[in-house]
């Protein structure tokens, strides 16, 4: 991938493969930015920087929300974190565990609305299957560990390869994915974890449900009026679906490992890149 500028007519999401050349954020037309209704975003290494939520990034999120835009994290982080995020952050909803659910806080009625894709019974059964995989993966991949946020998860198994452990090799990460997939699980690589689950969903499928059920938004009709910003392979379905998807600059760390890439890329990495995008959006309004 390269940030060099391509022709003005960027291909649409269905034809934008991983080999596509990324456009700099400056090529995101002001007219398109001015018409946006919302900003959807990954958290780890997109909103955060080296595991921290900076004042710059949180301030940018606050400004987007205050401007009347719909804002929602679309994250691999666990249900316990998403409960906190939905209640306390300046967001309209949150999709968590790579699409296992969305949460939305109804402030008027002081109620947290939880919508899981799988039933309670299915999640219980799947957790038992994931426990078997946990033992297999830890025995087969030296240095891997269960993610420190696993106890707050409802629907998936997160294997840490660089958050709280020494970084694993790409071969080791791929081996974790292979073990998940051999058992019939879905496996996605984020910037810090391999997340595995049983179920036919991902970030995109549940984002569609969330937009419809929470806000009455038809994804197909409105996708050009939303931005998604992310940084890693588990964001690929979102990059492919949103015509105005954006990658923060650390997206280049995954060169050659993305099934789809966004239309644009920021100059700055991580939270500073998120703030760069927020400034560009708000300037156009």
C-alpha atoms as a PDB file:
ATOM      1  CA  UNK A   1       0.000   0.000   0.000  1.00  0.00           C
ATOM      2  CA  UNK A   2       1.073   3.561  -0.566  1.00  0.00           C
ATOM      3  CA  UNK A   3      -0.292   6.977   0.375  1.00  0.00           C
ATOM      4  CA  UNK A   4       0.489   8.320  -3.071  1.00  0.00           C
ATOM      5  CA  UNK A   5      -2.435  10.021  -4.735  1.00  0.00           C
ATOM      6  CA  UNK A   6      -4.327   7.945  -7.334  1.00  0.00           C
ATOM      7  CA  UNK A   7      -6.805   9.147  -9.907  1.00  0.00           C
ATOM      8  CA  UNK A   8      -9.653  11.343  -8.599  1.00  0.00           C
ATOM      9  CA  UNK A   9     -12.225   8.599  -9.108  1.00  0.00           C
ATOM     10  CA  UNK A  10     -11.569   6.240  -6.218  1.00  0.00           C
ATOM     11  CA  UNK A  11     -13.126   2.800  -6.675  1.00  0.00           C
ATOM     12  CA  UNK A  12     -16.198   1.924  -4.663  1.00  0.00           C
ATOM     13  CA  UNK A  13     -16.124  -0.437  -1.690  1.00  0.00           C
ATOM     14  CA  UNK A  14     -16.982  -3.528  -3.735  1.00  0.00           C
ATOM     15  CA  UNK A  15     -14.002  -2.949  -6.044  1.00  0.00           C
ATOM     16  CA  UNK A  16     -11.479  -1.578  -3.564  1.00  0.00           C
ATOM     17  CA  UNK A  17      -9.118  -4.553  -2.928  1.00  0.00           C
ATOM     18  CA  UNK A  18      -6.250  -4.714  -0.496  1.00  0.00           C
ATOM     19  CA  UNK A  19      -3.843  -3.780  -3.284  1.00  0.00           C
ATOM     20  CA  UNK A  20      -5.616  -0.461  -3.891  1.00  0.00           C
ATOM     21  CA  UNK A  21      -3.541   2.673  -3.459  1.00  0.00           C
ATOM     22  CA  UNK A  22      -4.625   4.761  -0.491  1.00  0.00           C
ATOM     23  CA  UNK A  23      -5.480   8.407  -0.928  1.00  0.00           C
ATOM     24  CA  UNK A  24      -4.338  10.988   1.641  1.00  0.00           C
ATOM     25  CA  UNK A  25      -7.086  12.403   3.828  1.00  0.00           C
ATOM     26  CA  UNK A  26      -6.771  15.704   1.958  1.00  0.00           C
ATOM     27  CA  UNK A  27      -8.465  14.004  -1.024  1.00  0.00           C
ATOM     28  CA  UNK A  28     -11.647  13.469   1.029  1.00  0.00           C
ATOM     29  CA  UNK A  29     -13.788  16.144  -0.630  1.00  0.00           C
ATOM     30  CA  UNK A  30     -15.039  18.930   1.683  1.00  0.00           C
ATOM     31  CA  UNK A  31     -18.529  18.573   0.172  1.00  0.00           C
ATOM     32  CA  UNK A  32     -18.650  14.902   1.203  1.00  0.00           C
ATOM     33  CA  UNK A  33     -17.296  15.684   4.666  1.00  0.00           C
ATOM     34  CA  UNK A  34     -19.911  18.404   5.142  1.00  0.00           C
ATOM     35  CA  UNK A  35     -22.746  15.936   4.443  1.00  0.00           C
ATOM     36  CA  UNK A  36     -21.691  13.343   7.007  1.00  0.00           C
ATOM     37  CA  UNK A  37     -24.198  12.141   9.602  1.00  0.00           C
ATOM     38  CA  UNK A  38     -21.868  10.060  11.705  1.00  0.00           C
ATOM     39  CA  UNK A  39     -18.434   8.694  12.571  1.00  0.00           C
ATOM     40  CA  UNK A  40     -17.895   5.040  13.480  1.00  0.00           C
ATOM     41  CA  UNK A  41     -14.509   4.018  14.820  1.00  0.00           C
ATOM     42  CA  UNK A  42     -12.311   1.270  16.146  1.00  0.00           C
ATOM     43  CA  UNK A  43     -10.806   1.845  19.598  1.00  0.00           C
ATOM     44  CA  UNK A  44      -7.423   0.138  19.997  1.00  0.00           C
ATOM     45  CA  UNK A  45      -4.660   1.981  18.149  1.00  0.00           C
ATOM     46  CA  UNK A  46      -7.295   4.036  16.313  1.00  0.00           C
ATOM     47  CA  UNK A  47      -8.777   6.135  19.104  1.00  0.00           C
ATOM     48  CA  UNK A  48      -6.101   5.109  21.601  1.00  0.00           C
ATOM     49  CA  UNK A  49      -2.342   5.517  21.344  1.00  0.00           C
ATOM     50  CA  UNK A  50      -0.039   2.846  22.760  1.00  0.00           C
ATOM     51  CA  UNK A  51      -2.840   1.621  24.993  1.00  0.00           C
ATOM     52  CA  UNK A  52      -3.840   5.057  26.283  1.00  0.00           C
ATOM     53  CA  UNK A  53      -6.812   7.294  25.541  1.00  0.00           C
ATOM     54  CA  UNK A  54      -5.229  10.697  25.057  1.00  0.00           C
ATOM     55  CA  UNK A  55      -6.848  14.029  25.847  1.00  0.00           C
ATOM     56  CA  UNK A  56      -6.450  14.948  22.168  1.00  0.00           C
ATOM     57  CA  UNK A  57      -8.394  11.920  20.932  1.00  0.00           C
ATOM     58  CA  UNK A  58     -11.110  12.077  23.602  1.00  0.00           C
ATOM     59  CA  UNK A  59     -11.499  15.789  22.959  1.00  0.00           C
ATOM     60  CA  UNK A  60     -11.933  15.098  19.240  1.00  0.00           C
ATOM     61  CA  UNK A  61     -14.609  12.500  20.029  1.00  0.00           C
ATOM     62  CA  UNK A  62     -16.389  14.976  22.308  1.00  0.00           C
ATOM     63  CA  UNK A  63     -16.347  17.660  19.613  1.00  0.00           C
ATOM     64  CA  UNK A  64     -17.800  15.302  17.004  1.00  0.00           C
ATOM     65  CA  UNK A  65     -20.643  14.335  19.339  1.00  0.00           C
ATOM     66  CA  UNK A  66     -21.302  17.949  20.348  1.00  0.00           C
ATOM     67  CA  UNK A  67     -21.553  18.873  16.659  1.00  0.00           C
ATOM     68  CA  UNK A  68     -24.562  16.560  16.334  1.00  0.00           C
ATOM     69  CA  UNK A  69     -22.878  13.686  14.539  1.00  0.00           C
ATOM     70  CA  UNK A  70     -23.792  10.107  15.431  1.00  0.00           C
ATOM     71  CA  UNK A  71     -20.686   8.559  16.945  1.00  0.00           C
ATOM     72  CA  UNK A  72     -20.186   4.909  17.889  1.00  0.00           C
ATOM     73  CA  UNK A  73     -17.169   2.720  18.656  1.00  0.00           C
ATOM     74  CA  UNK A  74     -17.081  -0.520  16.653  1.00  0.00           C
ATOM     75  CA  UNK A  75     -14.634  -2.542  18.679  1.00  0.00           C
ATOM     76  CA  UNK A  76     -13.306  -5.943  19.649  1.00  0.00           C
ATOM     77  CA  UNK A  77     -13.289  -4.926  23.300  1.00  0.00           C
ATOM     78  CA  UNK A  78     -15.474  -6.808  25.811  1.00  0.00           C
ATOM     79  CA  UNK A  79     -19.011  -6.373  27.070  1.00  0.00           C
ATOM     80  CA  UNK A  80     -17.799  -5.089  30.442  1.00  0.00           C
ATOM     81  CA  UNK A  81     -15.871  -2.280  28.802  1.00  0.00           C
ATOM     82  CA  UNK A  82     -18.732  -1.520  26.418  1.00  0.00           C
ATOM     83  CA  UNK A  83     -21.158  -1.142  29.334  1.00  0.00           C
ATOM     84  CA  UNK A  84     -18.897   1.601  30.676  1.00  0.00           C
ATOM     85  CA  UNK A  85     -18.386   3.176  27.248  1.00  0.00           C
ATOM     86  CA  UNK A  86     -22.105   3.303  26.425  1.00  0.00           C
ATOM     87  CA  UNK A  87     -22.926   4.901  29.769  1.00  0.00           C
ATOM     88  CA  UNK A  88     -20.069   7.366  30.216  1.00  0.00           C
ATOM     89  CA  UNK A  89     -18.478   8.286  26.899  1.00  0.00           C
ATOM     90  CA  UNK A  90     -19.921  10.897  24.491  1.00  0.00           C
ATOM     91  CA  UNK A  91     -21.238   8.202  22.128  1.00  0.00           C
ATOM     92  CA  UNK A  92     -24.653   7.166  20.810  1.00  0.00           C
ATOM     93  CA  UNK A  93     -24.061   3.387  20.918  1.00  0.00           C
ATOM     94  CA  UNK A  94     -21.248   0.845  20.866  1.00  0.00           C
ATOM     95  CA  UNK A  95     -20.741  -2.414  18.952  1.00  0.00           C
ATOM     96  CA  UNK A  96     -18.495  -4.783  20.887  1.00  0.00           C
ATOM     97  CA  UNK A  97     -16.653  -8.101  20.727  1.00  0.00           C
ATOM     98  CA  UNK A  98     -16.338  -7.769  16.946  1.00  0.00           C
ATOM     99  CA  UNK A  99     -20.098  -7.686  16.429  1.00  0.00           C
ATOM    100  CA  UNK A 100     -21.415  -9.958  19.192  1.00  0.00           C
ATOM    101  CA  UNK A 101     -23.716  -7.174  20.413  1.00  0.00           C
ATOM    102  CA  UNK A 102     -24.529  -3.510  20.517  1.00  0.00           C
ATOM    103  CA  UNK A 103     -25.208  -1.505  23.670  1.00  0.00           C
ATOM    104  CA  UNK A 104     -26.991   1.841  23.834  1.00  0.00           C
ATOM    105  CA  UNK A 105     -27.664   3.918  26.924  1.00  0.00           C
ATOM    106  CA  UNK A 106     -31.136   5.457  27.166  1.00  0.00           C
ATOM    107  CA  UNK A 107     -30.344   8.433  29.414  1.00  0.00           C
ATOM    108  CA  UNK A 108     -33.964   9.576  29.646  1.00  0.00           C
ATOM    109  CA  UNK A 109     -35.069   6.254  31.112  1.00  0.00           C
ATOM    110  CA  UNK A 110     -31.686   5.510  32.743  1.00  0.00           C
ATOM    111  CA  UNK A 111     -31.516   2.129  31.038  1.00  0.00           C
ATOM    112  CA  UNK A 112     -28.725   0.314  29.223  1.00  0.00           C
ATOM    113  CA  UNK A 113     -30.171  -1.415  26.166  1.00  0.00           C
ATOM    114  CA  UNK A 114     -28.308  -4.631  25.280  1.00  0.00           C
ATOM    115  CA  UNK A 115     -28.804  -6.419  21.978  1.00  0.00           C
ATOM    116  CA  UNK A 116     -26.869  -9.681  21.500  1.00  0.00           C
ATOM    117  CA  UNK A 117     -26.743 -11.494  18.162  1.00  0.00           C
ATOM    118  CA  UNK A 118     -26.749 -14.953  19.796  1.00  0.00           C
ATOM    119  CA  UNK A 119     -29.220 -16.140  22.427  1.00  0.00           C
ATOM    120  CA  UNK A 120     -28.256 -16.674  26.067  1.00  0.00           C
ATOM    121  CA  UNK A 121     -28.282 -20.450  25.543  1.00  0.00           C
ATOM    122  CA  UNK A 122     -26.093 -20.209  22.439  1.00  0.00           C
ATOM    123  CA  UNK A 123     -23.568 -18.047  24.271  1.00  0.00           C
ATOM    124  CA  UNK A 124     -23.348 -20.550  27.136  1.00  0.00           C
ATOM    125  CA  UNK A 125     -22.701 -23.407  24.703  1.00  0.00           C
ATOM    126  CA  UNK A 126     -20.181 -21.371  22.730  1.00  0.00           C
ATOM    127  CA  UNK A 127     -18.252 -20.410  25.853  1.00  0.00           C
ATOM    128  CA  UNK A 128     -17.771 -24.090  26.631  1.00  0.00           C
ATOM    129  CA  UNK A 129     -16.406 -24.688  23.128  1.00  0.00           C
ATOM    130  CA  UNK A 130     -14.126 -21.673  23.459  1.00  0.00           C
ATOM    131  CA  UNK A 131     -12.763 -22.967  26.755  1.00  0.00           C
ATOM    132  CA  UNK A 132     -11.558 -26.079  24.916  1.00  0.00           C
ATOM    133  CA  UNK A 133      -9.884 -23.855  22.335  1.00  0.00           C
ATOM    134  CA  UNK A 134      -8.290 -21.743  25.051  1.00  0.00           C
ATOM    135  CA  UNK A 135      -6.482 -24.768  26.449  1.00  0.00           C
ATOM    136  CA  UNK A 136      -5.426 -25.930  22.985  1.00  0.00           C
ATOM    137  CA  UNK A 137      -4.067 -22.554  21.906  1.00  0.00           C
ATOM    138  CA  UNK A 138      -2.087 -21.901  25.086  1.00  0.00           C
ATOM    139  CA  UNK A 139      -0.529 -25.361  24.859  1.00  0.00           C
ATOM    140  CA  UNK A 140       0.347 -24.970  21.173  1.00  0.00           C
ATOM    141  CA  UNK A 141       1.604 -21.363  21.032  1.00  0.00           C
ATOM    142  CA  UNK A 142       4.341 -20.483  23.554  1.00  0.00           C
ATOM    143  CA  UNK A 143       4.114 -16.886  24.740  1.00  0.00           C
ATOM    144  CA  UNK A 144       0.426 -16.481  23.933  1.00  0.00           C
ATOM    145  CA  UNK A 145      -1.916 -15.573  26.774  1.00  0.00           C
ATOM    146  CA  UNK A 146      -5.586 -15.057  27.368  1.00  0.00           C
ATOM    147  CA  UNK A 147      -6.281 -11.317  27.107  1.00  0.00           C
ATOM    148  CA  UNK A 148      -6.481  -9.510  30.419  1.00  0.00           C
ATOM    149  CA  UNK A 149      -9.998  -8.319  29.576  1.00  0.00           C
ATOM    150  CA  UNK A 150     -11.327 -11.864  28.968  1.00  0.00           C
ATOM    151  CA  UNK A 151     -13.251 -11.999  32.249  1.00  0.00           C
ATOM    152  CA  UNK A 152     -15.468  -9.185  30.970  1.00  0.00           C
ATOM    153  CA  UNK A 153     -16.330 -10.953  27.698  1.00  0.00           C
ATOM    154  CA  UNK A 154     -19.679 -12.548  26.831  1.00  0.00           C
ATOM    155  CA  UNK A 155     -19.212 -14.149  23.427  1.00  0.00           C
ATOM    156  CA  UNK A 156     -15.601 -14.516  22.284  1.00  0.00           C
ATOM    157  CA  UNK A 157     -12.122 -15.617  23.278  1.00  0.00           C
ATOM    158  CA  UNK A 158      -9.355 -13.036  23.014  1.00  0.00           C
ATOM    159  CA  UNK A 159      -5.775 -14.260  22.762  1.00  0.00           C
ATOM    160  CA  UNK A 160      -3.182 -11.618  23.530  1.00  0.00           C
ATOM    161  CA  UNK A 161      -0.175 -11.447  21.195  1.00  0.00           C
ATOM    162  CA  UNK A 162       1.250  -8.032  22.115  1.00  0.00           C
ATOM    163  CA  UNK A 163      -0.847  -6.050  24.606  1.00  0.00           C
ATOM    164  CA  UNK A 164       0.403  -7.496  27.920  1.00  0.00           C
ATOM    165  CA  UNK A 165       2.853 -10.075  26.539  1.00  0.00           C
ATOM    166  CA  UNK A 166       6.036  -9.838  24.518  1.00  0.00           C
ATOM    167  CA  UNK A 167       5.067  -9.528  20.829  1.00  0.00           C
ATOM    168  CA  UNK A 168       4.620 -12.863  19.073  1.00  0.00           C
ATOM    169  CA  UNK A 169       5.878 -13.630  15.581  1.00  0.00           C
ATOM    170  CA  UNK A 170       3.535 -13.484  12.627  1.00  0.00           C
ATOM    171  CA  UNK A 171       3.836 -17.254  12.305  1.00  0.00           C
ATOM    172  CA  UNK A 172       2.627 -17.668  15.887  1.00  0.00           C
ATOM    173  CA  UNK A 173      -0.290 -15.303  15.282  1.00  0.00           C
ATOM    174  CA  UNK A 174      -1.230 -17.217  12.144  1.00  0.00           C
ATOM    175  CA  UNK A 175      -1.079 -20.479  14.099  1.00  0.00           C
ATOM    176  CA  UNK A 176      -3.603 -19.098  16.606  1.00  0.00           C
ATOM    177  CA  UNK A 177      -5.910 -18.212  13.720  1.00  0.00           C
ATOM    178  CA  UNK A 178      -5.472 -21.693  12.242  1.00  0.00           C
ATOM    179  CA  UNK A 179      -6.488 -23.375  15.504  1.00  0.00           C
ATOM    180  CA  UNK A 180      -9.635 -21.276  15.769  1.00  0.00           C
ATOM    181  CA  UNK A 181     -10.609 -21.904  12.170  1.00  0.00           C
ATOM    182  CA  UNK A 182      -9.912 -25.645  12.340  1.00  0.00           C
ATOM    183  CA  UNK A 183     -12.537 -25.825  15.093  1.00  0.00           C
ATOM    184  CA  UNK A 184     -15.092 -23.968  12.971  1.00  0.00           C
ATOM    185  CA  UNK A 185     -14.690 -20.644  14.755  1.00  0.00           C
ATOM    186  CA  UNK A 186     -14.307 -17.224  13.160  1.00  0.00           C
ATOM    187  CA  UNK A 187     -10.934 -15.619  13.924  1.00  0.00           C
ATOM    188  CA  UNK A 188      -9.977 -11.969  13.425  1.00  0.00           C
ATOM    189  CA  UNK A 189      -6.689 -10.233  14.068  1.00  0.00           C
ATOM    190  CA  UNK A 190      -6.700  -6.818  15.717  1.00  0.00           C
ATOM    191  CA  UNK A 191      -3.645  -4.745  16.557  1.00  0.00           C
ATOM    192  CA  UNK A 192      -3.241  -6.570  19.893  1.00  0.00           C
ATOM    193  CA  UNK A 193      -5.406  -9.722  19.990  1.00  0.00           C
ATOM    194  CA  UNK A 194      -6.665 -12.627  17.947  1.00  0.00           C
ATOM    195  CA  UNK A 195     -10.394 -12.805  18.663  1.00  0.00           C
ATOM    196  CA  UNK A 196     -12.264 -16.041  18.025  1.00  0.00           C
ATOM    197  CA  UNK A 197     -15.972 -16.817  18.223  1.00  0.00           C
ATOM    198  CA  UNK A 198     -18.694 -19.121  16.983  1.00  0.00           C
ATOM    199  CA  UNK A 199     -21.363 -17.304  14.993  1.00  0.00           C
ATOM    200  CA  UNK A 200     -22.132 -15.728  11.653  1.00  0.00           C
ATOM    201  CA  UNK A 201     -21.446 -12.074  12.449  1.00  0.00           C
ATOM    202  CA  UNK A 202     -18.700  -9.470  12.397  1.00  0.00           C
ATOM    203  CA  UNK A 203     -18.297  -5.756  12.995  1.00  0.00           C
ATOM    204  CA  UNK A 204     -20.197  -4.862   9.829  1.00  0.00           C
ATOM    205  CA  UNK A 205     -23.256  -7.102  10.266  1.00  0.00           C
ATOM    206  CA  UNK A 206     -23.972  -5.780  13.743  1.00  0.00           C
ATOM    207  CA  UNK A 207     -23.242  -2.183  12.758  1.00  0.00           C
ATOM    208  CA  UNK A 208     -26.004  -2.522  10.168  1.00  0.00           C
ATOM    209  CA  UNK A 209     -28.383  -3.848  12.842  1.00  0.00           C
ATOM    210  CA  UNK A 210     -27.419  -1.102  15.284  1.00  0.00           C
ATOM    211  CA  UNK A 211     -27.953   1.704  12.776  1.00  0.00           C
ATOM    212  CA  UNK A 212     -31.363   0.322  11.825  1.00  0.00           C
ATOM    213  CA  UNK A 213     -32.719  -0.579  15.264  1.00  0.00           C
ATOM    214  CA  UNK A 214     -31.333   2.376  17.204  1.00  0.00           C
ATOM    215  CA  UNK A 215     -31.615   5.197  14.689  1.00  0.00           C
ATOM    216  CA  UNK A 216     -33.814   4.012  11.809  1.00  0.00           C
ATOM    217  CA  UNK A 217     -30.892   4.373   9.387  1.00  0.00           C
ATOM    218  CA  UNK A 218     -30.851   2.262   6.215  1.00  0.00           C
ATOM    219  CA  UNK A 219     -27.191   1.364   5.800  1.00  0.00           C
ATOM    220  CA  UNK A 220     -27.298   0.934   2.025  1.00  0.00           C
ATOM    221  CA  UNK A 221     -29.051   4.263   1.537  1.00  0.00           C
ATOM    222  CA  UNK A 222     -26.900   6.210   3.993  1.00  0.00           C
ATOM    223  CA  UNK A 223     -23.430   4.612   3.940  1.00  0.00           C
ATOM    224  CA  UNK A 224     -21.890   7.522   2.038  1.00  0.00           C
ATOM    225  CA  UNK A 225     -22.916   9.797   4.910  1.00  0.00           C
ATOM    226  CA  UNK A 226     -20.914   7.844   7.483  1.00  0.00           C
ATOM    227  CA  UNK A 227     -17.183   7.458   8.014  1.00  0.00           C
ATOM    228  CA  UNK A 228     -15.561   4.430   9.555  1.00  0.00           C
ATOM    229  CA  UNK A 229     -11.993   4.792  10.819  1.00  0.00           C
ATOM    230  CA  UNK A 230      -9.811   1.855  11.830  1.00  0.00           C
ATOM    231  CA  UNK A 231      -6.326   0.407  11.718  1.00  0.00           C
ATOM    232  CA  UNK A 232      -6.119  -3.404  11.474  1.00  0.00           C
ATOM    233  CA  UNK A 233      -7.289  -6.609   9.727  1.00  0.00           C
ATOM    234  CA  UNK A 234     -10.473  -7.044  11.776  1.00  0.00           C
ATOM    235  CA  UNK A 235     -11.617  -3.700  10.359  1.00  0.00           C
ATOM    236  CA  UNK A 236     -11.491  -4.963   6.760  1.00  0.00           C
ATOM    237  CA  UNK A 237     -15.272  -5.637   6.446  1.00  0.00           C
ATOM    238  CA  UNK A 238     -15.906  -2.038   7.468  1.00  0.00           C
ATOM    239  CA  UNK A 239     -13.238  -0.696   5.110  1.00  0.00           C
ATOM    240  CA  UNK A 240     -14.870  -2.588   2.236  1.00  0.00           C
ATOM    241  CA  UNK A 241     -18.397  -1.431   3.038  1.00  0.00           C
ATOM    242  CA  UNK A 242     -17.971   2.307   3.640  1.00  0.00           C
ATOM    243  CA  UNK A 243     -17.083   4.433   0.596  1.00  0.00           C
ATOM    244  CA  UNK A 244     -15.497   7.017   2.908  1.00  0.00           C
ATOM    245  CA  UNK A 245     -13.610   4.648   5.196  1.00  0.00           C
ATOM    246  CA  UNK A 246     -10.403   6.044   6.692  1.00  0.00           C
ATOM    247  CA  UNK A 247      -7.311   4.374   8.098  1.00  0.00           C
ATOM    248  CA  UNK A 248      -5.030   5.970  10.658  1.00  0.00           C
ATOM    249  CA  UNK A 249      -1.410   5.897   9.523  1.00  0.00           C
ATOM    250  CA  UNK A 250      -0.462   2.816  11.549  1.00  0.00           C
ATOM    251  CA  UNK A 251      -2.586   0.884   9.073  1.00  0.00           C
ATOM    252  CA  UNK A 252       0.671   0.555   7.133  1.00  0.00           C
ATOM    253  CA  UNK A 253       1.910  -1.782   9.882  1.00  0.00           C
ATOM    254  CA  UNK A 254      -0.411  -4.402   8.349  1.00  0.00           C
ATOM    255  CA  UNK A 255       0.692  -3.927   4.757  1.00  0.00           C
ATOM    256  CA  UNK A 256      -0.156  -7.015   2.751  1.00  0.00           C
ATOM    257  CA  UNK A 257      -2.399  -8.482   5.474  1.00  0.00           C
ATOM    258  CA  UNK A 258      -5.650  -6.598   4.853  1.00  0.00           C
ATOM    259  CA  UNK A 259      -8.504  -8.145   2.891  1.00  0.00           C
ATOM    260  CA  UNK A 260      -9.701  -4.619   2.057  1.00  0.00           C
ATOM    261  CA  UNK A 261      -8.328  -1.143   2.612  1.00  0.00           C
ATOM    262  CA  UNK A 262     -10.018   2.213   3.263  1.00  0.00           C
ATOM    263  CA  UNK A 263     -10.337   4.998   0.746  1.00  0.00           C
ATOM    264  CA  UNK A 264      -8.190   7.439   2.723  1.00  0.00           C
ATOM    265  CA  UNK A 265      -5.368   7.450   5.260  1.00  0.00           C
ATOM    266  CA  UNK A 266      -4.370  10.083   7.822  1.00  0.00           C
ATOM    267  CA  UNK A 267      -0.882  11.488   8.157  1.00  0.00           C
ATOM    268  CA  UNK A 268      -0.784  10.828  11.910  1.00  0.00           C
ATOM    269  CA  UNK A 269      -0.934   7.513  13.712  1.00  0.00           C
ATOM    270  CA  UNK A 270      -3.484   6.243  16.223  1.00  0.00           C
ATOM    271  CA  UNK A 271      -5.313   8.830  18.346  1.00  0.00           C
ATOM    272  CA  UNK A 272      -3.574  11.742  16.651  1.00  0.00           C
ATOM    273  CA  UNK A 273      -4.849  10.396  13.330  1.00  0.00           C
ATOM    274  CA  UNK A 274      -8.375  10.180  14.750  1.00  0.00           C
ATOM    275  CA  UNK A 275      -8.106  13.813  15.850  1.00  0.00           C
ATOM    276  CA  UNK A 276      -6.811  14.742  12.380  1.00  0.00           C
ATOM    277  CA  UNK A 277      -9.927  13.193  10.834  1.00  0.00           C
ATOM    278  CA  UNK A 278     -12.233  14.899  13.342  1.00  0.00           C
ATOM    279  CA  UNK A 279     -10.666  18.287  12.542  1.00  0.00           C
ATOM    280  CA  UNK A 280     -11.153  17.689   8.808  1.00  0.00           C
ATOM    281  CA  UNK A 281     -14.813  16.742   9.292  1.00  0.00           C
ATOM    282  CA  UNK A 282     -15.638  19.652  11.577  1.00  0.00           C
ATOM    283  CA  UNK A 283     -13.794  22.166   9.378  1.00  0.00           C
ATOM    284  CA  UNK A 284     -16.060  21.195   6.468  1.00  0.00           C
ATOM    285  CA  UNK A 285     -19.176  21.827   8.558  1.00  0.00           C
END
